[in-house]
Amino acid sequence: MVFDFTPYFEKYEKLVAASDAAFERVKQAHAECVRCKEGCADCCHAVFDLTLIEALYINHRFKQQFRGILKTELEEKANRTDRLMAKIKRRAQDDLLAGRPEAEILTDLARERVRCPLLSTRNLCDLYDYRPLTCRFYGVPTAIGGGGHTCGLSGFKEGETYPTVNLDTIHARLQELSAELIRDLKSRYIKLADILVPLSTALITEYDEIYFGLKEDPPDEPSPKRQRSRRHL
């Protein structure tokens, strides 16, 4: 695909750097409460989605870092995870259509445990340096949609006041970057900027001209007609 994503990735990386700095400030102020350590994979089972810019960036880094058999194995894991995520989302959509309160559905989704396809057998992230922002904030208090959250393994106590990362602000900036990218691409699919996908989907998606609406889908080739066998008399 002839398009330079570098300027958009650089803006995303600045957001990553600011996010890491915010995490470190909370960690330094409350070292006894932040209990993240190598081998702890609680955050690697959380269900969450990525904006377009983050999905693109992680897809790019994944393709850069992995080749051959290892890449194929990770893609197979991502495929399995993606099918599971589709079932979970379909069930949530069915519940919503059936009239179940959205707050209850979101609470259930927050309790879902799905192993990330990038989590190795040693409980380490195979793409740690380029992990999503959601992963980077896990372990410190966050707020989204007016509700507060923190890791259940941390030492932060309910009812106490702590420095809190506003994820709504982070997500708004990610949406802005996604919209900027779609605008500059001149994609006819402007709603792509609003699409959210699981990490598993981001790993196995081919982000090409067809995906972005810059090129028409090739026409389906007709299936070859079966030749009738002639019976010899």
Protein backbone atom coordinates (compact mmCIF):
# COMPACT_ATOMS: atom_id res chain seq x y z
CA MET A 1 0.00 0.00 0.00
CA VAL A 2 1.51 3.33 -1.07
CA PHE A 3 0.83 5.54 1.94
CA ASP A 4 3.21 6.71 4.66
CA PHE A 5 1.73 5.92 8.06
CA THR A 6 4.88 7.14 9.85
CA PRO A 7 3.59 10.61 10.87
CA TYR A 8 0.47 9.07 12.43
CA PHE A 9 2.45 6.37 14.18
CA GLU A 10 4.79 9.02 15.59
CA LYS A 11 1.83 10.89 17.06
CA TYR A 12 0.58 7.63 18.56
CA GLU A 13 4.02 6.93 20.04
CA LYS A 14 4.01 10.36 21.73
CA LEU A 15 0.73 9.38 23.36
CA VAL A 16 2.32 6.10 24.45
CA ALA A 17 5.27 7.96 26.00
CA ALA A 18 2.92 10.31 27.88
CA SER A 19 0.87 7.34 29.07
CA ASP A 20 3.94 5.49 30.35
CA ALA A 21 5.03 8.63 32.18
CA ALA A 22 1.61 8.92 33.83
CA PHE A 23 1.80 5.29 34.96
CA GLU A 24 5.26 5.87 36.45
CA ARG A 25 4.08 8.94 38.37
CA VAL A 26 1.32 6.95 40.02
CA LYS A 27 3.69 4.06 40.67
CA GLN A 28 6.25 6.31 42.35
CA ALA A 29 3.59 7.97 44.49
CA HIS A 30 2.00 4.65 45.53
CA ALA A 31 4.70 2.04 45.08
CA GLU A 32 3.13 -0.19 47.74
CA CYS A 33 -0.12 -0.38 45.73
CA VAL A 34 1.22 -1.00 42.22
CA ARG A 35 2.07 -4.69 42.17
CA CYS A 36 2.80 -5.25 38.50
CA LYS A 37 5.68 -7.68 37.99
CA GLU A 38 7.11 -9.94 35.33
CA GLY A 39 5.03 -13.07 34.96
CA CYS A 40 1.82 -11.50 36.28
CA ALA A 41 -0.65 -11.87 33.41
CA ASP A 42 -3.93 -10.75 34.98
CA CYS A 43 -4.24 -7.90 32.48
CA CYS A 44 -3.59 -10.32 29.62
CA HIS A 45 -7.05 -11.85 30.05
CA ALA A 46 -9.07 -8.63 29.96
CA VAL A 47 -11.60 -8.01 27.18
CA PHE A 48 -11.14 -4.65 25.44
CA ASP A 49 -11.05 -3.07 21.98
CA LEU A 50 -8.59 -0.98 19.98
CA THR A 51 -9.21 2.14 17.91
CA LEU A 52 -8.11 2.15 14.27
CA ILE A 53 -4.79 3.95 14.81
CA GLU A 54 -3.76 1.57 17.59
CA ALA A 55 -4.87 -1.52 15.65
CA LEU A 56 -2.84 -0.35 12.63
CA TYR A 57 0.23 0.36 14.74
CA ILE A 58 0.18 -3.01 16.49
CA ASN A 59 -0.44 -4.81 13.18
CA HIS A 60 2.57 -2.98 11.72
CA ARG A 61 4.86 -3.86 14.63
CA PHE A 62 3.65 -7.45 14.67
CA LYS A 63 4.57 -7.89 11.00
CA GLN A 64 7.94 -6.25 11.60
CA GLN A 65 8.83 -8.46 14.55
CA PHE A 66 7.61 -11.90 13.49
CA ARG A 67 8.31 -14.08 10.48
CA GLY A 68 7.90 -17.69 9.44
CA ILE A 69 6.56 -20.40 11.72
CA LEU A 70 6.34 -18.23 14.84
CA LYS A 71 4.24 -15.64 12.99
CA THR A 72 1.96 -18.38 11.64
CA GLU A 73 1.52 -19.86 15.12
CA LEU A 74 0.64 -16.48 16.60
CA GLU A 75 -1.83 -15.82 13.80
CA GLU A 76 -3.48 -19.19 14.47
CA LYS A 77 -3.80 -18.28 18.15
CA ALA A 78 -5.24 -14.89 17.16
CA ASN A 79 -7.77 -16.61 14.89
CA ARG A 80 -8.97 -18.85 17.71
CA THR A 81 -9.19 -15.90 20.10
CA ASP A 82 -11.04 -13.86 17.49
CA ARG A 83 -13.72 -16.52 17.10
CA LEU A 84 -14.21 -16.57 20.87
CA MET A 85 -14.41 -12.78 21.00
CA ALA A 86 -17.02 -12.82 18.23
CA LYS A 87 -19.19 -15.20 20.27
CA ILE A 88 -18.89 -13.00 23.37
CA LYS A 89 -19.82 -9.87 21.42
CA ARG A 90 -22.68 -11.60 19.65
CA ARG A 91 -24.10 -12.71 22.99
CA ALA A 92 -23.81 -9.16 24.34
CA GLN A 93 -25.57 -7.81 21.24
CA ASP A 94 -28.37 -10.35 21.61
CA ASP A 95 -28.81 -9.34 25.27
CA LEU A 96 -29.00 -5.68 24.28
CA LEU A 97 -31.62 -6.37 21.62
CA ALA A 98 -33.58 -8.41 24.16
CA GLY A 99 -33.81 -5.33 26.36
CA ARG A 100 -31.25 -6.15 29.01
CA PRO A 101 -29.80 -2.99 30.63
CA GLU A 102 -26.55 -1.89 28.97
CA ALA A 103 -24.85 -1.35 32.34
CA GLU A 104 -25.39 -5.03 33.22
CA ILE A 105 -24.02 -6.14 29.85
CA LEU A 106 -20.90 -4.00 30.26
CA THR A 107 -20.37 -5.40 33.76
CA ASP A 108 -20.53 -8.94 32.39
CA LEU A 109 -18.07 -8.06 29.62
CA ALA A 110 -15.66 -6.65 32.21
CA ARG A 111 -15.76 -10.01 33.98
CA GLU A 112 -14.96 -12.03 30.86
CA ARG A 113 -11.55 -13.70 30.83
CA VAL A 114 -10.00 -14.31 27.42
CA ARG A 115 -6.33 -15.17 27.07
CA CYS A 116 -4.50 -12.73 24.79
CA PRO A 117 -2.96 -14.46 21.74
CA LEU A 118 0.29 -12.58 22.42
CA LEU A 119 0.65 -14.12 25.88
CA SER A 120 3.39 -16.74 25.78
CA THR A 121 3.53 -20.02 27.69
CA ARG A 122 5.89 -18.25 30.13
CA ASN A 123 3.19 -15.66 30.89
CA LEU A 124 5.12 -12.96 29.05
CA CYS A 125 3.89 -10.68 26.27
CA ASP A 126 5.38 -11.52 22.88
CA LEU A 127 4.94 -7.90 21.77
CA TYR A 128 5.52 -6.18 25.10
CA ASP A 129 7.30 -3.05 23.83
CA TYR A 130 4.34 -2.31 21.54
CA ARG A 131 1.48 -3.44 23.77
CA PRO A 132 -1.79 -1.44 23.71
CA LEU A 133 -2.43 1.57 25.95
CA THR A 134 -5.06 -0.36 27.91
CA CYS A 135 -2.36 -2.84 28.93
CA ARG A 136 -0.02 -0.01 29.95
CA PHE A 137 -2.53 1.46 32.41
CA TYR A 138 -3.59 -1.82 33.98
CA GLY A 139 -2.42 -1.80 37.60
CA VAL A 140 -3.18 1.86 38.42
CA PRO A 141 -6.58 3.53 39.05
CA THR A 142 -8.42 4.53 35.88
CA ALA A 143 -11.76 6.11 35.12
CA ILE A 144 -13.97 5.60 32.08
CA GLY A 145 -17.56 6.61 31.50
CA GLY A 146 -17.75 8.05 35.00
CA GLY A 147 -16.77 4.77 36.68
CA GLY A 148 -13.51 3.98 38.47
CA HIS A 149 -11.50 0.80 37.94
CA THR A 150 -8.29 -0.76 39.15
CA CYS A 151 -6.56 -4.13 39.07
CA GLY A 152 -7.95 -6.57 41.62
CA LEU A 153 -4.40 -7.67 42.49
CA SER A 154 -3.24 -4.14 43.31
CA GLY A 155 -3.15 -2.59 46.77
CA PHE A 156 -5.46 0.31 45.94
CA LYS A 157 -8.38 0.40 48.38
CA GLU A 158 -11.98 1.18 47.51
CA GLY A 159 -13.13 4.50 48.93
CA GLU A 160 -9.62 5.99 49.09
CA THR A 161 -8.52 8.87 46.83
CA TYR A 162 -5.69 8.24 44.38
CA PRO A 163 -4.32 9.85 41.21
CA THR A 164 -6.54 8.46 38.44
CA VAL A 165 -5.95 8.18 34.69
CA ASN A 166 -8.92 9.41 32.66
CA LEU A 167 -9.25 6.86 29.86
CA ASP A 168 -12.00 8.86 28.18
CA THR A 169 -9.41 11.54 27.38
CA ILE A 170 -6.99 8.93 26.01
CA HIS A 171 -9.67 7.30 23.85
CA ALA A 172 -10.78 10.70 22.52
CA ARG A 173 -7.24 11.40 21.35
CA LEU A 174 -7.01 7.98 19.70
CA GLN A 175 -10.29 8.65 17.90
CA GLU A 176 -8.94 12.00 16.69
CA LEU A 177 -5.83 10.34 15.27
CA SER A 178 -7.95 7.67 13.59
CA ALA A 179 -10.23 10.29 12.03
CA GLU A 180 -7.24 12.32 10.85
CA LEU A 181 -5.76 9.26 9.19
CA ILE A 182 -8.99 8.34 7.38
CA ARG A 183 -9.41 11.93 6.22
CA ASP A 184 -5.88 12.14 4.83
CA LEU A 185 -6.23 8.75 3.16
CA LYS A 186 -9.33 10.08 1.44
CA SER A 187 -11.07 6.82 2.22
CA ARG A 188 -14.68 6.51 1.14
CA TYR A 189 -15.27 4.55 4.35
CA ILE A 190 -15.25 7.47 6.79
CA LYS A 191 -16.87 5.34 9.51
CA LEU A 192 -13.67 3.31 9.76
CA ALA A 193 -12.41 5.96 12.16
CA ASP A 194 -15.09 4.88 14.66
CA ILE A 195 -14.56 1.12 14.42
CA LEU A 196 -13.26 -0.68 17.51
CA VAL A 197 -11.71 -4.14 17.23
CA PRO A 198 -10.14 -6.69 19.59
CA LEU A 199 -6.36 -7.09 19.48
CA SER A 200 -6.85 -10.52 17.90
CA THR A 201 -8.64 -8.91 14.95
CA ALA A 202 -5.91 -6.30 14.57
CA LEU A 203 -3.25 -9.01 14.28
CA ILE A 204 -4.93 -10.93 11.45
CA THR A 205 -6.43 -8.07 9.43
CA GLU A 206 -4.90 -7.09 6.08
CA TYR A 207 -4.93 -3.29 6.15
CA ASP A 208 -4.68 -2.66 2.41
CA GLU A 209 -6.27 -0.47 -0.27
CA ILE A 210 -9.38 -2.65 -0.34
CA TYR A 211 -9.84 -2.44 3.43
CA PHE A 212 -9.59 1.35 3.36
CA GLY A 213 -11.89 1.74 0.39
CA LEU A 214 -9.18 3.05 -1.91
CA LYS A 215 -9.58 0.20 -4.35
CA GLU A 216 -12.55 -1.85 -5.43
CA ASP A 217 -12.89 -5.46 -4.35
CA PRO A 218 -11.82 -7.77 -7.16
CA PRO A 219 -14.79 -9.51 -8.76
CA ASP A 220 -15.38 -13.02 -7.56
CA GLU A 221 -14.08 -15.55 -10.03
CA PRO A 222 -16.76 -17.96 -11.18
CA SER A 223 -16.33 -21.46 -9.94
CA PRO A 224 -15.02 -23.75 -12.68
CA LYS A 225 -17.82 -25.76 -14.26
CA ARG A 226 -17.65 -29.44 -13.75
CA GLN A 227 -17.13 -31.40 -16.91
CA ARG A 228 -19.62 -34.17 -17.34
CA SER A 229 -17.92 -37.46 -17.78
CA ARG A 230 -18.74 -39.12 -21.07
CA ARG A 231 -19.83 -42.64 -20.94
CA HIS A 232 -18.22 -44.79 -23.57
CA LEU A 233 -20.48 -47.38 -25.12
